[in-house]
Structures are given as C-alpha cells and as structure tokens.
C-alpha cells in the first residue's frame, strides 16, 4: 500500500511516501506542478496552514487520486503521551505529532524543538506526560516584524555566513541580533535539558543544532508522527 504523508506548514508543504525515500517540498500554490507518485492508496495530512489551504489539499487529493484525505488532530493522549492542554484542540497538530515522534525515539524525559515560522519548545517527562512548552516567533518572522514596524531600521547590505558578533552596520546588527537570539535559545534549552535528549526539526533546525552541541536533528518529526496519530 502506498501511503502519502503531507506536512502543510505556514510556508511550505513537505511530503513523503511512507516508508520510502520518495519525498519533496513545495509551496502552497504548487500542487499541480509537483512530480507526485502515480499510485496512492491513502493520504494522511498534518496541517497548520488554515482552512483555505486545507480545502485546496482536500480538493486536489480527491481530483488526483479519488481519495478522501485523513487530517490528523491533536488528542488528549496517544502512543503513551499525555497532553498537558485542558483543551487539546488548542494545540497545533504539528506540535503534537512532533511530540509523539520524539517520545517514540526517547521513551524517557526529552525536549522537542521545532524551528519553523514559529519556534516551539516542548518538554516531556519520564512518564510521557507533556509538561508544557513555549512558542515564539521564528527568525524570519522576527526579522519581518522588526523591519515593518521600525521606520529607521533599514537593511541595505547582504549578510554572508553566521555570526552573533556586534554588527557594524544596520544590516549586520539586525541579522546578528537574530542570530544571537537563536544562539541564546539553543544554549538555554541545552542547559535545561542536561542529559535529556533534545530532538530538533523545522527549517532553521539544522542551524539550531550547530549552535546546540548534542541536539539531535530530526527533519521529519511531524511527518513521522502521522503514522502514530492515524495508524499505518
């Protein structure tokens, strides 16, 4: 059976054929241009992209493979994990699926970091209970908000490479400031985690891992969580 898994984030849609190396990443408006597998028996979707994108995905799947896609939902408990939210529906499904995947990997107290459009940090206890988490703007969102809300902060230089040293022009000061925030977050999370594993995913996740020695890069935490939430 060919199972197609999709992770529809705020910026991109990641996909993979379950159990294979066949995968891709596209923009929300590029569904008809992707080299999809011809034969698909089931489609599982994790989406935080909003109802408009969800409707497009549903229509596309029905048109392309004559299937009804299955959308994952956050639940009170699953696979040995207990949600800390009184109303689980208020937690983004991407966070929940990443937590489920991390618990399957660790089976003990651990941390989960997703560095996407938003950065989320989750903590799990030894008994599988979600102890809570943090949500903050991602690097790109922070930069956009800064530039759109401050008339005198103008970026007019191209910045190459990573540095958190004090900037000697406004462009450097902005980019290096964002780098410093991510670097500080990485150091803080690793200090709090101690000997507990830290699993990292998301677009800026690899950068986070280079700043957080010992963090574990897991680019498909959300996709891998689909089989845990919806079954194989």
Protein backbone atom coordinates (compact mmCIF):
# COMPACT_ATOMS: atom_id res chain seq x y z
CA UNK A 1 0.00 0.00 0.00
CA UNK A 2 1.32 3.44 -0.97
CA UNK A 3 0.65 6.00 1.78
CA UNK A 4 1.32 9.65 1.00
CA UNK A 5 2.06 11.84 4.05
CA UNK A 6 1.89 15.64 3.88
CA UNK A 7 3.01 18.26 6.40
CA UNK A 8 1.38 21.58 5.46
CA UNK A 9 3.14 24.33 7.38
CA UNK A 10 2.73 28.09 7.26
CA UNK A 11 5.20 28.43 4.37
CA UNK A 12 5.74 25.07 2.64
CA UNK A 13 4.20 21.64 2.21
CA UNK A 14 6.59 18.74 2.87
CA UNK A 15 5.63 15.29 1.66
CA UNK A 16 6.90 11.75 1.59
CA UNK A 17 5.72 8.31 0.57
CA UNK A 18 5.61 6.45 3.87
CA UNK A 19 8.47 4.00 4.35
CA UNK A 20 10.42 5.21 1.30
CA UNK A 21 12.91 7.92 0.35
CA UNK A 22 10.45 9.47 -2.13
CA UNK A 23 9.77 12.98 -0.91
CA UNK A 24 9.54 16.66 -1.81
CA UNK A 25 8.77 20.19 -0.67
CA UNK A 26 6.55 22.71 -2.45
CA UNK A 27 4.76 25.99 -1.94
CA UNK A 28 1.06 26.06 -1.15
CA UNK A 29 0.19 27.04 -4.74
CA UNK A 30 2.38 24.44 -6.47
CA UNK A 31 0.26 21.32 -6.00
CA UNK A 32 -0.36 20.80 -9.71
CA UNK A 33 3.32 21.23 -10.61
CA UNK A 34 4.82 18.57 -8.33
CA UNK A 35 6.04 15.14 -9.52
CA UNK A 36 3.63 13.15 -7.33
CA UNK A 37 3.63 9.35 -7.23
CA UNK A 38 1.14 7.94 -9.71
CA UNK A 39 -0.34 5.33 -7.40
CA UNK A 40 -1.51 6.36 -3.93
CA UNK A 41 -3.84 4.31 -1.72
CA UNK A 42 -4.08 6.62 1.27
CA UNK A 43 -3.26 10.27 2.09
CA UNK A 44 -2.53 11.47 5.63
CA UNK A 45 -2.17 15.20 6.32
CA UNK A 46 -0.85 17.34 9.17
CA UNK A 47 -1.84 20.94 8.56
CA UNK A 48 -1.47 24.24 10.40
CA UNK A 49 -1.88 26.20 7.16
CA UNK A 50 -5.52 27.21 7.62
CA UNK A 51 -8.83 26.21 6.12
CA UNK A 52 -8.16 27.68 2.66
CA UNK A 53 -5.07 25.52 2.18
CA UNK A 54 -6.83 22.53 3.74
CA UNK A 55 -9.67 22.89 1.25
CA UNK A 56 -7.20 23.06 -1.62
CA UNK A 57 -5.44 19.94 -0.38
CA UNK A 58 -8.73 18.08 0.02
CA UNK A 59 -9.89 19.04 -3.47
CA UNK A 60 -6.53 18.17 -5.00
CA UNK A 61 -6.36 14.72 -3.40
CA UNK A 62 -9.91 13.92 -4.46
CA UNK A 63 -9.23 15.06 -8.02
CA UNK A 64 -5.82 13.41 -8.39
CA UNK A 65 -6.34 10.03 -6.68
CA UNK A 66 -10.11 9.93 -5.96
CA UNK A 67 -9.35 9.63 -2.21
CA UNK A 68 -10.58 11.33 0.92
CA UNK A 69 -7.52 12.61 2.80
CA UNK A 70 -7.20 11.95 6.53
CA UNK A 71 -6.35 15.01 8.62
CA UNK A 72 -4.53 14.37 11.91
CA UNK A 73 -5.90 16.05 15.04
CA UNK A 74 -4.37 16.75 18.42
CA UNK A 75 -5.75 14.47 21.13
CA UNK A 76 -5.69 14.22 24.92
CA UNK A 77 -3.38 11.21 24.77
CA UNK A 78 -1.81 8.86 22.22
CA UNK A 79 1.05 6.37 21.99
CA UNK A 80 1.97 6.76 25.66
CA UNK A 81 1.96 10.57 25.62
CA UNK A 82 -0.47 12.62 27.74
CA UNK A 83 -1.24 16.15 26.56
CA UNK A 84 -0.92 18.98 29.09
CA UNK A 85 -3.65 21.07 27.42
CA UNK A 86 -7.08 21.06 29.06
CA UNK A 87 -8.47 21.53 25.53
CA UNK A 88 -6.16 19.52 23.22
CA UNK A 89 -7.71 21.10 20.11
CA UNK A 90 -5.96 24.36 21.06
CA UNK A 91 -2.54 22.80 20.47
CA UNK A 92 -1.24 22.90 16.88
CA UNK A 93 -1.21 19.43 15.36
CA UNK A 94 2.39 19.89 14.19
CA UNK A 95 3.50 20.29 17.81
CA UNK A 96 1.54 17.20 18.84
CA UNK A 97 2.92 14.99 16.07
CA UNK A 98 6.49 16.09 16.77
CA UNK A 99 5.97 15.28 20.45
CA UNK A 100 4.64 11.80 19.60
CA UNK A 101 7.62 11.12 17.33
CA UNK A 102 10.13 12.30 19.91
CA UNK A 103 8.58 10.11 22.60
CA UNK A 104 8.86 7.07 20.33
CA UNK A 105 12.55 7.82 19.92
CA UNK A 106 13.36 8.57 23.56
CA UNK A 107 10.86 6.71 25.75
CA UNK A 108 12.08 8.96 28.57
CA UNK A 109 12.20 12.63 29.50
CA UNK A 110 13.15 14.70 26.47
CA UNK A 111 12.77 18.05 24.71
CA UNK A 112 11.39 18.85 21.27
CA UNK A 113 12.32 21.98 19.31
CA UNK A 114 10.66 22.99 16.03
CA UNK A 115 12.37 25.94 14.32
CA UNK A 116 9.86 26.93 11.65
CA UNK A 117 7.85 30.09 11.03
CA UNK A 118 7.31 29.92 14.77
CA UNK A 119 9.78 28.32 17.15
CA UNK A 120 8.23 25.88 19.60
CA UNK A 121 9.94 24.15 22.51
CA UNK A 122 8.28 21.23 24.31
CA UNK A 123 9.24 19.27 27.43
CA UNK A 124 8.24 15.66 28.13
CA UNK A 125 8.60 13.86 31.44
CA UNK A 126 9.80 10.33 32.07
CA UNK A 127 6.21 9.10 32.22
CA UNK A 128 5.33 10.51 28.79
CA UNK A 129 3.46 13.50 30.14
CA UNK A 130 3.78 16.72 28.19
CA UNK A 131 4.99 19.18 30.83
CA UNK A 132 4.31 22.26 28.70
CA UNK A 133 6.03 24.30 26.06
CA UNK A 134 7.00 27.67 24.62
CA UNK A 135 6.00 29.42 21.40
CA UNK A 136 7.96 32.34 19.95
CA UNK A 137 8.47 33.93 16.53
CA UNK A 138 10.85 32.24 14.15
CA UNK A 139 13.91 34.04 12.75
CA UNK A 140 12.26 35.16 9.52
CA UNK A 141 9.11 36.35 11.29
CA UNK A 142 11.12 38.30 13.86
CA UNK A 143 13.10 40.00 11.12
CA UNK A 144 9.99 40.87 9.12
CA UNK A 145 8.21 42.31 12.17
CA UNK A 146 11.23 44.37 13.12
CA UNK A 147 11.62 45.88 9.65
CA UNK A 148 7.91 46.51 9.09
CA UNK A 149 7.38 48.24 12.43
CA UNK A 150 10.51 50.41 12.69
CA UNK A 151 10.93 53.11 10.05
CA UNK A 152 14.57 53.82 10.89
CA UNK A 153 15.78 50.22 10.76
CA UNK A 154 16.73 49.66 7.12
CA UNK A 155 18.57 46.58 5.85
CA UNK A 156 20.68 47.53 2.83
CA UNK A 157 23.65 45.13 2.99
CA UNK A 158 23.90 41.46 2.04
CA UNK A 159 24.98 39.33 5.01
CA UNK A 160 27.01 36.19 4.39
CA UNK A 161 27.57 33.40 6.89
CA UNK A 162 26.55 33.12 10.53
CA UNK A 163 27.80 35.49 13.21
CA UNK A 164 26.49 36.81 16.50
CA UNK A 165 29.21 39.45 16.88
CA UNK A 166 28.08 43.07 17.27
CA UNK A 167 27.14 44.47 13.85
CA UNK A 168 28.98 47.45 12.36
CA UNK A 169 26.06 48.46 10.11
CA UNK A 170 22.30 48.18 10.49
CA UNK A 171 22.04 45.10 8.29
CA UNK A 172 24.62 43.25 10.36
CA UNK A 173 23.11 44.49 13.63
CA UNK A 174 19.70 43.10 12.66
CA UNK A 175 20.89 39.73 11.33
CA UNK A 176 23.48 39.19 14.05
CA UNK A 177 20.89 40.15 16.64
CA UNK A 178 18.55 37.45 15.35
CA UNK A 179 21.45 35.01 15.36
CA UNK A 180 22.23 35.94 18.95
CA UNK A 181 18.64 35.23 20.00
CA UNK A 182 18.71 31.76 18.40
CA UNK A 183 22.15 31.07 19.86
CA UNK A 184 20.93 32.10 23.32
CA UNK A 185 17.83 29.92 22.99
CA UNK A 186 19.93 26.92 21.94
CA UNK A 187 22.28 27.35 24.90
CA UNK A 188 19.35 27.79 27.31
CA UNK A 189 17.48 24.71 26.07
CA UNK A 190 20.59 22.53 26.24
CA UNK A 191 21.39 23.76 29.74
CA UNK A 192 17.86 23.00 30.94
CA UNK A 193 17.81 19.61 29.22
CA UNK A 194 21.00 18.39 30.87
CA UNK A 195 21.38 14.73 29.93
CA UNK A 196 17.89 14.53 28.40
CA UNK A 197 17.82 14.22 24.58
CA UNK A 198 16.78 17.27 22.54
CA UNK A 199 15.14 16.49 19.19
CA UNK A 200 15.08 19.30 16.62
CA UNK A 201 13.09 19.81 13.42
CA UNK A 202 11.98 22.71 11.19
CA UNK A 203 13.53 24.94 8.54
CA UNK A 204 16.08 26.53 10.87
CA UNK A 205 16.54 23.33 12.86
CA UNK A 206 19.92 22.43 11.39
CA UNK A 207 21.24 25.85 12.36
CA UNK A 208 19.87 25.36 15.87
CA UNK A 209 21.70 22.03 16.08
CA UNK A 210 25.02 23.61 15.11
CA UNK A 211 24.54 26.09 17.95
CA UNK A 212 23.32 23.47 20.45
CA UNK A 213 26.02 20.84 20.69
CA UNK A 214 24.43 17.45 21.28
CA UNK A 215 20.96 18.27 19.88
CA UNK A 216 19.58 15.62 17.53
CA UNK A 217 18.48 16.71 14.03
CA UNK A 218 15.21 15.00 13.03
CA UNK A 219 13.83 16.78 9.93
CA UNK A 220 10.74 14.53 9.62
CA UNK A 221 9.39 14.55 13.19
CA UNK A 222 6.00 15.89 12.10
CA UNK A 223 5.66 13.60 9.07
CA UNK A 224 6.72 10.60 11.13
CA UNK A 225 4.05 11.43 13.69
CA UNK A 226 1.26 10.89 11.16
CA UNK A 227 1.50 7.12 11.37
CA UNK A 228 1.40 7.36 15.17
CA UNK A 229 -1.70 9.56 15.23
CA UNK A 230 -3.62 7.95 12.34
CA UNK A 231 -2.23 4.42 12.23
CA UNK A 232 -0.32 2.60 9.49
